[in-house]
Protein backbone atom coordinates (compact mmCIF):
# COMPACT_ATOMS: atom_id res chain seq x y z
CA MET A 1 18.54 11.03 -4.11
CA GLU A 2 16.51 13.38 -2.73
CA TYR A 3 13.31 12.44 -2.06
CA ILE A 4 10.76 14.58 -3.59
CA THR A 5 7.13 15.07 -1.17
CA ARG A 6 3.98 14.95 -3.72
CA ASP A 7 0.71 16.90 -2.70
CA LEU A 8 -0.87 13.54 -3.16
CA GLU A 9 0.83 12.34 -0.45
CA SER A 10 -1.41 14.26 1.71
CA VAL A 11 -4.25 12.56 0.29
CA LEU A 12 -3.53 9.09 0.81
CA THR A 13 -3.10 10.18 4.58
CA LYS A 14 -6.13 11.09 5.26
CA ARG A 15 -7.82 8.51 3.07
CA LEU A 16 -5.66 5.30 4.59
CA PHE A 17 -8.16 4.45 7.11
CA ALA A 18 -11.33 4.87 5.19
CA ASP A 19 -12.26 1.52 5.61
CA LYS A 20 -12.18 1.45 1.12
CA VAL A 21 -9.15 0.30 -1.29
CA ILE A 22 -6.38 2.46 -2.41
CA VAL A 23 -4.96 1.78 -5.69
CA LEU A 24 -2.25 4.10 -7.35
CA PHE A 25 -0.68 3.64 -10.60
CA GLY A 26 1.02 4.74 -12.83
CA PRO A 27 3.98 4.13 -15.32
CA ARG A 28 6.77 2.09 -13.70
CA GLN A 29 9.48 3.62 -11.82
CA THR A 30 7.40 6.89 -10.88
CA GLY A 31 7.85 7.09 -7.13
CA LYS A 32 4.42 4.25 -6.14
CA MET A 33 6.20 2.05 -3.61
CA THR A 34 8.45 5.51 -2.70
CA LEU A 35 5.20 7.37 -2.28
CA LEU A 36 4.15 4.29 -0.59
CA GLY A 37 6.96 3.92 1.42
CA ARG A 38 7.18 6.73 2.71
CA LEU A 39 3.57 6.13 4.09
CA LEU A 40 3.87 2.98 5.65
CA ASP A 41 6.79 4.02 7.29
CA ASP A 42 5.24 6.98 8.96
CA GLN A 43 2.27 4.59 10.17
CA LYS A 44 4.83 1.73 11.38
CA GLN A 45 5.99 4.35 13.70
CA LYS A 46 2.64 4.95 15.14
CA GLY A 47 2.51 1.36 14.89
CA VAL A 48 0.13 0.50 12.63
CA LYS A 49 0.81 -3.02 10.96
CA SER A 50 0.75 -3.29 6.77
CA ILE A 51 1.36 -5.10 3.97
CA ARG A 52 3.55 -3.87 1.17
CA MET A 53 2.42 -5.70 -2.41
CA THR A 54 3.62 -4.90 -5.87
CA GLY A 55 2.47 -6.04 -8.77
CA ASP A 56 5.35 -6.02 -9.60
CA ASN A 57 5.82 -9.10 -8.32
CA PRO A 58 4.75 -12.42 -9.16
CA ASP A 59 4.32 -14.02 -6.07
CA HIS A 60 1.89 -11.02 -4.99
CA ARG A 61 0.44 -11.51 -8.11
CA ALA A 62 -0.51 -14.71 -7.85
CA LEU A 63 -1.13 -14.56 -4.07
CA VAL A 64 -4.33 -12.25 -4.48
CA GLN A 65 -5.55 -13.48 -8.62
CA ASP A 66 -8.97 -13.66 -7.71
CA ALA A 67 -8.27 -14.15 -4.07
CA SER A 68 -11.75 -14.48 -2.51
CA PRO A 69 -13.44 -11.65 0.04
CA GLU A 70 -13.10 -14.07 3.06
CA ARG A 71 -9.15 -14.65 1.16
CA LEU A 72 -7.85 -11.13 1.52
CA ARG A 73 -8.88 -11.18 4.72
CA THR A 74 -6.84 -14.15 5.40
CA ILE A 75 -3.89 -12.56 3.86
CA MET A 76 -4.32 -9.01 5.81
CA GLY A 77 -4.13 -10.70 8.77
CA ASN A 78 -4.04 -8.60 11.64
CA SER A 79 -2.97 -5.43 9.82
CA ARG A 80 -4.21 -2.22 8.99
CA ILE A 81 -2.75 -1.42 5.58
């Protein structure tokens, strides 16, 4: 399947390292993880470490549910994204 470049891609790329949380939400099966996957893969090629998590994965949800800022920093480790 051919990837459709989205206008949002350039906006997200510009804001990746603004020291803010980016929340991307929308209906299921609309390309959110595909979009994020492309962005993270592009950053990985530049040497940026990242963590990929999804709210659909119960283990991921359990990991961050009610997590303190310290716990979230531990989960992120030395990842930038």
